[in-house]
Amino acid sequence: MIIYSFDPGGTTGLVIADCEQEPIIVESMELSLNPDEWQYFLTENPRVDLILMESMINSGYLTPGKIQQIKAIALIEMFGHLVNARVLEVSPEKRKKFGPNHTPPHIKGQHAKDAYRILMAGKKGCLW
């Protein structure tokens, strides 16, 4: 089962994992909101079984950071629809239960590390 795990935002973290038994990280990266960076996933990576992403924080004012998060979530949901994959949300609280010590050293970048933690929270919550 191929799972894409996203930490949506102005810089969006992404971890691609093969999760037949234990998660094996295939790739990790950080993306901007530039649609050209997302074109690769829309055309070159059609095999996705499940997409996990952190759910949006709905409290407080609508800030520029939240607007970027909304744009990233829209791109992720559009991608899931195009590849016919389930898109599930993981709460920030569940992601935060997996601290920095739970992230493999080969995953670089804070947002990619957060995407890995979202993947682990999804596994613990039996989302796949």
N, C-alpha and C. Protein backbone atom coordinates (compact mmCIF):
# COMPACT_ATOMS: atom_id res chain seq x y z
N MET A 1 0.84 -1.16 0.00
CA MET A 1 0.00 0.00 0.00
C MET A 1 0.90 1.24 0.00
N ILE A 2 0.71 2.11 -0.97
CA ILE A 2 1.48 3.34 -1.07
C ILE A 2 0.70 4.46 -0.39
N ILE A 3 1.34 5.10 0.58
CA ILE A 3 0.71 6.18 1.32
C ILE A 3 1.51 7.45 1.14
N TYR A 4 0.81 8.53 0.82
CA TYR A 4 1.40 9.86 0.80
C TYR A 4 0.94 10.56 2.07
N SER A 5 1.88 11.06 2.84
CA SER A 5 1.56 11.77 4.08
C SER A 5 2.02 13.22 3.92
N PHE A 6 1.09 14.16 4.11
CA PHE A 6 1.35 15.57 3.89
C PHE A 6 1.22 16.36 5.18
N ASP A 7 2.10 17.34 5.35
CA ASP A 7 1.96 18.39 6.34
C ASP A 7 1.68 19.66 5.54
N PRO A 8 0.40 20.04 5.37
CA PRO A 8 0.06 21.14 4.48
C PRO A 8 0.41 22.51 5.05
N GLY A 9 0.89 23.38 4.18
CA GLY A 9 1.22 24.74 4.58
C GLY A 9 1.91 25.45 3.45
N GLY A 10 2.44 26.65 3.73
CA GLY A 10 3.20 27.40 2.72
C GLY A 10 4.36 26.58 2.19
N THR A 11 5.03 25.87 3.10
CA THR A 11 5.98 24.82 2.74
C THR A 11 5.31 23.53 3.18
N THR A 12 5.00 22.67 2.24
CA THR A 12 4.28 21.44 2.51
C THR A 12 5.26 20.28 2.59
N GLY A 13 5.26 19.59 3.72
CA GLY A 13 6.09 18.40 3.86
C GLY A 13 5.39 17.20 3.26
N LEU A 14 6.16 16.32 2.66
CA LEU A 14 5.61 15.11 2.04
C LEU A 14 6.52 13.94 2.33
N VAL A 15 5.91 12.83 2.74
CA VAL A 15 6.60 11.56 2.88
C VAL A 15 5.81 10.54 2.07
N ILE A 16 6.50 9.81 1.22
CA ILE A 16 5.89 8.73 0.45
C ILE A 16 6.39 7.42 1.06
N ALA A 17 5.47 6.57 1.45
CA ALA A 17 5.84 5.34 2.14
C ALA A 17 5.15 4.13 1.53
N ASP A 18 5.86 3.02 1.51
CA ASP A 18 5.29 1.73 1.14
C ASP A 18 4.99 1.02 2.45
N CYS A 19 3.73 0.80 2.74
CA CYS A 19 3.31 0.35 4.07
C CYS A 19 2.65 -1.01 4.06
N GLU A 20 3.23 -1.98 3.40
CA GLU A 20 2.65 -3.32 3.42
C GLU A 20 2.73 -3.92 4.83
N GLN A 21 3.88 -3.82 5.45
CA GLN A 21 4.06 -4.31 6.83
C GLN A 21 4.36 -3.09 7.70
N GLU A 22 5.63 -2.78 7.82
CA GLU A 22 6.07 -1.57 8.51
C GLU A 22 6.34 -0.50 7.44
N PRO A 23 6.14 0.76 7.79
CA PRO A 23 6.39 1.81 6.78
C PRO A 23 7.84 1.83 6.32
N ILE A 24 8.02 1.78 5.02
CA ILE A 24 9.34 1.94 4.41
C ILE A 24 9.28 3.26 3.63
N ILE A 25 10.10 4.21 4.03
CA ILE A 25 10.06 5.53 3.42
C ILE A 25 10.71 5.45 2.04
N VAL A 26 9.93 5.79 1.03
CA VAL A 26 10.41 5.78 -0.34
C VAL A 26 11.04 7.12 -0.68
N GLU A 27 10.41 8.18 -0.19
CA GLU A 27 10.87 9.52 -0.53
C GLU A 27 10.33 10.51 0.50
N SER A 28 11.08 11.58 0.74
CA SER A 28 10.58 12.67 1.57
C SER A 28 11.07 13.97 0.97
N MET A 29 10.23 15.01 1.07
CA MET A 29 10.59 16.28 0.47
C MET A 29 9.72 17.39 1.03
N GLU A 30 10.06 18.61 0.65
CA GLU A 30 9.25 19.76 1.00
C GLU A 30 8.91 20.50 -0.29
N LEU A 31 7.65 20.92 -0.39
CA LEU A 31 7.13 21.56 -1.60
C LEU A 31 6.60 22.96 -1.26
N SER A 32 6.73 23.87 -2.21
CA SER A 32 6.08 25.17 -2.04
C SER A 32 4.67 25.07 -2.62
N LEU A 33 3.96 26.17 -2.64
CA LEU A 33 2.62 26.16 -3.23
C LEU A 33 2.67 26.37 -4.74
N ASN A 34 3.85 26.39 -5.32
CA ASN A 34 4.00 26.54 -6.77
C ASN A 34 3.45 25.29 -7.46
N PRO A 35 2.40 25.44 -8.30
CA PRO A 35 1.80 24.25 -8.94
C PRO A 35 2.78 23.44 -9.79
N ASP A 36 3.86 24.09 -10.29
CA ASP A 36 4.84 23.35 -11.08
C ASP A 36 5.52 22.25 -10.27
N GLU A 37 5.71 22.49 -8.97
CA GLU A 37 6.31 21.46 -8.13
C GLU A 37 5.37 20.28 -7.93
N TRP A 38 4.08 20.53 -7.99
CA TRP A 38 3.08 19.48 -7.79
C TRP A 38 2.79 18.71 -9.07
N GLN A 39 3.21 19.24 -10.22
CA GLN A 39 2.92 18.61 -11.51
C GLN A 39 3.47 17.18 -11.56
N TYR A 40 4.61 16.96 -10.93
CA TYR A 40 5.22 15.63 -10.90
C TYR A 40 4.26 14.60 -10.33
N PHE A 41 3.56 14.97 -9.25
CA PHE A 41 2.67 14.02 -8.60
C PHE A 41 1.40 13.80 -9.41
N LEU A 42 1.01 14.79 -10.16
CA LEU A 42 -0.20 14.66 -10.96
C LEU A 42 0.03 13.83 -12.21
N THR A 43 1.26 13.78 -12.69
CA THR A 43 1.51 13.09 -13.95
C THR A 43 2.41 11.85 -13.82
N GLU A 44 3.33 11.86 -12.88
CA GLU A 44 4.34 10.80 -12.82
C GLU A 44 4.11 9.76 -11.74
N ASN A 45 3.28 10.04 -10.76
CA ASN A 45 3.12 9.14 -9.63
C ASN A 45 1.66 8.75 -9.44
N PRO A 46 1.07 8.01 -10.36
CA PRO A 46 -0.36 7.75 -10.24
C PRO A 46 -0.73 6.71 -9.18
N ARG A 47 0.21 5.91 -8.69
CA ARG A 47 -0.15 4.86 -7.73
C ARG A 47 -0.11 5.40 -6.31
N VAL A 48 -1.28 5.69 -5.79
CA VAL A 48 -1.42 6.14 -4.41
C VAL A 48 -2.67 5.43 -3.87
N ASP A 49 -2.52 4.75 -2.75
CA ASP A 49 -3.66 4.07 -2.16
C ASP A 49 -4.35 4.91 -1.10
N LEU A 50 -3.58 5.72 -0.38
CA LEU A 50 -4.12 6.50 0.72
C LEU A 50 -3.32 7.78 0.87
N ILE A 51 -4.01 8.87 1.16
CA ILE A 51 -3.36 10.14 1.45
C ILE A 51 -3.75 10.55 2.86
N LEU A 52 -2.74 10.83 3.67
CA LEU A 52 -2.96 11.36 5.01
C LEU A 52 -2.48 12.80 5.04
N MET A 53 -3.21 13.64 5.75
CA MET A 53 -2.75 15.02 5.92
C MET A 53 -3.21 15.53 7.26
N GLU A 54 -2.47 16.48 7.77
CA GLU A 54 -2.86 17.09 9.03
C GLU A 54 -4.08 17.96 8.80
N SER A 55 -5.04 17.87 9.70
CA SER A 55 -6.25 18.67 9.56
C SER A 55 -5.95 20.12 9.90
N MET A 56 -6.79 21.00 9.35
CA MET A 56 -6.59 22.43 9.51
C MET A 56 -7.03 22.88 10.90
N ILE A 57 -6.30 23.82 11.44
CA ILE A 57 -6.67 24.42 12.71
C ILE A 57 -7.71 25.49 12.43
N ASN A 58 -8.90 25.35 12.99
CA ASN A 58 -10.01 26.24 12.67
C ASN A 58 -10.21 27.37 13.67
N SER A 59 -9.38 27.45 14.67
CA SER A 59 -9.59 28.49 15.67
C SER A 59 -8.82 29.76 15.32
N GLY A 60 -9.26 30.88 15.86
CA GLY A 60 -8.55 32.14 15.69
C GLY A 60 -8.87 32.82 14.37
N TYR A 61 -8.07 33.83 14.09
CA TYR A 61 -8.27 34.65 12.90
C TYR A 61 -7.73 33.97 11.65
N LEU A 62 -8.23 34.42 10.51
CA LEU A 62 -7.74 33.92 9.22
C LEU A 62 -6.45 34.67 8.88
N THR A 63 -5.34 34.04 9.12
CA THR A 63 -4.03 34.66 8.93
C THR A 63 -3.46 34.25 7.57
N PRO A 64 -2.40 34.94 7.11
CA PRO A 64 -1.75 34.51 5.86
C PRO A 64 -1.27 33.05 5.91
N GLY A 65 -0.80 32.60 7.08
CA GLY A 65 -0.37 31.21 7.21
C GLY A 65 -1.51 30.22 7.03
N LYS A 66 -2.67 30.56 7.57
CA LYS A 66 -3.84 29.68 7.40
C LYS A 66 -4.32 29.68 5.96
N ILE A 67 -4.21 30.82 5.29
CA ILE A 67 -4.60 30.87 3.87
C ILE A 67 -3.70 29.95 3.05
N GLN A 68 -2.40 29.96 3.36
CA GLN A 68 -1.49 29.04 2.66
C GLN A 68 -1.83 27.59 2.97
N GLN A 69 -2.20 27.31 4.20
CA GLN A 69 -2.58 25.95 4.58
C GLN A 69 -3.84 25.52 3.82
N ILE A 70 -4.80 26.42 3.67
CA ILE A 70 -6.03 26.12 2.92
C ILE A 70 -5.70 25.81 1.47
N LYS A 71 -4.80 26.59 0.87
CA LYS A 71 -4.40 26.34 -0.52
C LYS A 71 -3.73 24.97 -0.67
N ALA A 72 -2.85 24.64 0.28
CA ALA A 72 -2.18 23.34 0.22
C ALA A 72 -3.18 22.20 0.38
N ILE A 73 -4.13 22.35 1.30
CA ILE A 73 -5.15 21.32 1.50
C ILE A 73 -5.97 21.14 0.23
N ALA A 74 -6.30 22.24 -0.43
CA ALA A 74 -7.06 22.15 -1.69
C ALA A 74 -6.26 21.38 -2.74
N LEU A 75 -4.96 21.63 -2.85
CA LEU A 75 -4.12 20.90 -3.81
C LEU A 75 -4.07 19.41 -3.47
N ILE A 76 -3.94 19.10 -2.19
CA ILE A 76 -3.87 17.70 -1.76
C ILE A 76 -5.19 16.99 -2.06
N GLU A 77 -6.31 17.62 -1.74
CA GLU A 77 -7.61 17.01 -2.00
C GLU A 77 -7.85 16.83 -3.50
N MET A 78 -7.42 17.81 -4.31
CA MET A 78 -7.56 17.70 -5.76
C MET A 78 -6.71 16.52 -6.27
N PHE A 79 -5.49 16.41 -5.76
CA PHE A 79 -4.61 15.31 -6.15
C PHE A 79 -5.24 13.97 -5.79
N GLY A 80 -5.78 13.86 -4.58
CA GLY A 80 -6.44 12.62 -4.16
C GLY A 80 -7.61 12.26 -5.05
N HIS A 81 -8.38 13.26 -5.44
CA HIS A 81 -9.52 13.02 -6.33
C HIS A 81 -9.04 12.54 -7.70
N LEU A 82 -7.98 13.16 -8.21
CA LEU A 82 -7.48 12.80 -9.55
C LEU A 82 -6.92 11.38 -9.61
N VAL A 83 -6.31 10.93 -8.52
CA VAL A 83 -5.72 9.58 -8.53
C VAL A 83 -6.63 8.56 -7.85
N ASN A 84 -7.84 8.99 -7.48
CA ASN A 84 -8.85 8.11 -6.88
C ASN A 84 -8.35 7.45 -5.59
N ALA A 85 -7.72 8.27 -4.74
CA ALA A 85 -7.21 7.78 -3.46
C ALA A 85 -8.05 8.36 -2.32
N ARG A 86 -8.18 7.58 -1.25
CA ARG A 86 -8.84 8.11 -0.05
C ARG A 86 -7.95 9.18 0.56
N VAL A 87 -8.58 10.25 1.04
CA VAL A 87 -7.86 11.32 1.73
C VAL A 87 -8.41 11.39 3.15
N LEU A 88 -7.54 11.17 4.13
CA LEU A 88 -7.94 11.18 5.53
C LEU A 88 -7.13 12.22 6.29
N GLU A 89 -7.76 12.80 7.29
CA GLU A 89 -7.10 13.81 8.10
C GLU A 89 -6.65 13.25 9.44
N VAL A 90 -5.53 13.77 9.92
CA VAL A 90 -4.99 13.43 11.23
C VAL A 90 -4.92 14.73 12.02
N SER A 91 -5.38 14.71 13.24
CA SER A 91 -5.40 15.95 14.03
C SER A 91 -3.98 16.35 14.44
N PRO A 92 -3.76 17.66 14.60
CA PRO A 92 -2.43 18.10 15.06
C PRO A 92 -2.05 17.50 16.41
N GLU A 93 -3.03 17.29 17.27
CA GLU A 93 -2.75 16.71 18.59
C GLU A 93 -2.18 15.30 18.46
N LYS A 94 -2.70 14.51 17.52
CA LYS A 94 -2.19 13.15 17.35
C LYS A 94 -0.78 13.16 16.78
N ARG A 95 -0.51 14.11 15.85
CA ARG A 95 0.83 14.22 15.29
C ARG A 95 1.83 14.61 16.37
N LYS A 96 1.43 15.50 17.27
CA LYS A 96 2.34 16.01 18.30
C LYS A 96 2.74 14.94 19.31
N LYS A 97 2.00 13.83 19.37
CA LYS A 97 2.36 12.74 20.27
C LYS A 97 3.65 12.05 19.82
N PHE A 98 4.03 12.25 18.56
CA PHE A 98 5.26 11.67 18.02
C PHE A 98 6.30 12.79 17.92
N GLY A 99 7.17 12.86 18.91
CA GLY A 99 8.16 13.94 18.97
C GLY A 99 9.33 13.72 18.02
N PRO A 100 10.32 14.60 18.09
CA PRO A 100 11.49 14.53 17.20
C PRO A 100 12.24 13.21 17.27
N ASN A 101 12.19 12.53 18.41
CA ASN A 101 12.90 11.25 18.55
C ASN A 101 12.26 10.14 17.72
N HIS A 102 11.06 10.36 17.22
CA HIS A 102 10.37 9.34 16.42
C HIS A 102 10.64 9.48 14.92
N THR A 103 11.50 10.41 14.54
CA THR A 103 11.75 10.67 13.12
C THR A 103 13.10 10.11 12.70
N PRO A 104 13.13 9.29 11.64
CA PRO A 104 14.42 8.76 11.18
C PRO A 104 15.36 9.89 10.74
N PRO A 105 16.65 9.73 10.95
CA PRO A 105 17.60 10.81 10.64
C PRO A 105 17.70 11.15 9.16
N HIS A 106 17.32 10.23 8.27
CA HIS A 106 17.46 10.52 6.84
C HIS A 106 16.35 11.42 6.29
N ILE A 107 15.34 11.72 7.10
CA ILE A 107 14.28 12.63 6.66
C ILE A 107 14.70 14.04 7.04
N LYS A 108 14.89 14.88 6.03
CA LYS A 108 15.41 16.24 6.24
C LYS A 108 14.30 17.26 6.07
N GLY A 109 14.38 18.32 6.86
CA GLY A 109 13.42 19.41 6.77
C GLY A 109 12.29 19.24 7.78
N GLN A 110 11.97 20.32 8.49
CA GLN A 110 10.97 20.25 9.55
C GLN A 110 9.61 19.80 9.04
N HIS A 111 9.19 20.27 7.86
CA HIS A 111 7.86 19.93 7.36
C HIS A 111 7.80 18.48 6.89
N ALA A 112 8.89 17.97 6.32
CA ALA A 112 8.94 16.55 5.95
C ALA A 112 8.92 15.68 7.21
N LYS A 113 9.59 16.13 8.26
CA LYS A 113 9.57 15.39 9.52
C LYS A 113 8.15 15.37 10.10
N ASP A 114 7.46 16.51 10.00
CA ASP A 114 6.07 16.54 10.47
C ASP A 114 5.19 15.60 9.64
N ALA A 115 5.44 15.51 8.33
CA ALA A 115 4.69 14.59 7.48
C ALA A 115 4.92 13.14 7.92
N TYR A 116 6.16 12.82 8.32
CA TYR A 116 6.45 11.48 8.83
C TYR A 116 5.67 11.22 10.11
N ARG A 117 5.60 12.21 10.99
CA ARG A 117 4.85 12.04 12.24
C ARG A 117 3.36 11.85 11.98
N ILE A 118 2.86 12.51 10.94
CA ILE A 118 1.46 12.32 10.54
C ILE A 118 1.25 10.88 10.08
N LEU A 119 2.20 10.35 9.32
CA LEU A 119 2.14 8.96 8.89
C LEU A 119 2.09 8.02 10.09
N MET A 120 2.95 8.26 11.07
CA MET A 120 2.98 7.41 12.26
C MET A 120 1.69 7.54 13.09
N ALA A 121 1.16 8.75 13.18
CA ALA A 121 -0.11 8.93 13.90
C ALA A 121 -1.24 8.21 13.16
N GLY A 122 -1.21 8.22 11.84
CA GLY A 122 -2.21 7.48 11.06
C GLY A 122 -2.10 5.99 11.28
N LYS A 123 -0.86 5.49 11.40
CA LYS A 123 -0.67 4.07 11.66
C LYS A 123 -1.21 3.71 13.05
N LYS A 124 -0.88 4.52 14.04
CA LYS A 124 -1.34 4.25 15.40
C LYS A 124 -2.86 4.31 15.49
N GLY A 125 -3.47 5.19 14.70
CA GLY A 125 -4.93 5.32 14.68
C GLY A 125 -5.60 4.29 13.79
N CYS A 126 -4.84 3.33 13.25
CA CYS A 126 -5.35 2.25 12.39
C CYS A 126 -6.11 2.80 11.17
N LEU A 127 -5.55 3.83 10.54
CA LEU A 127 -6.19 4.39 9.35
C LEU A 127 -5.90 3.55 8.10
N TRP A 128 -4.96 2.61 8.21
CA TRP A 128 -4.74 1.69 7.10
C TRP A 128 -4.53 0.30 7.60
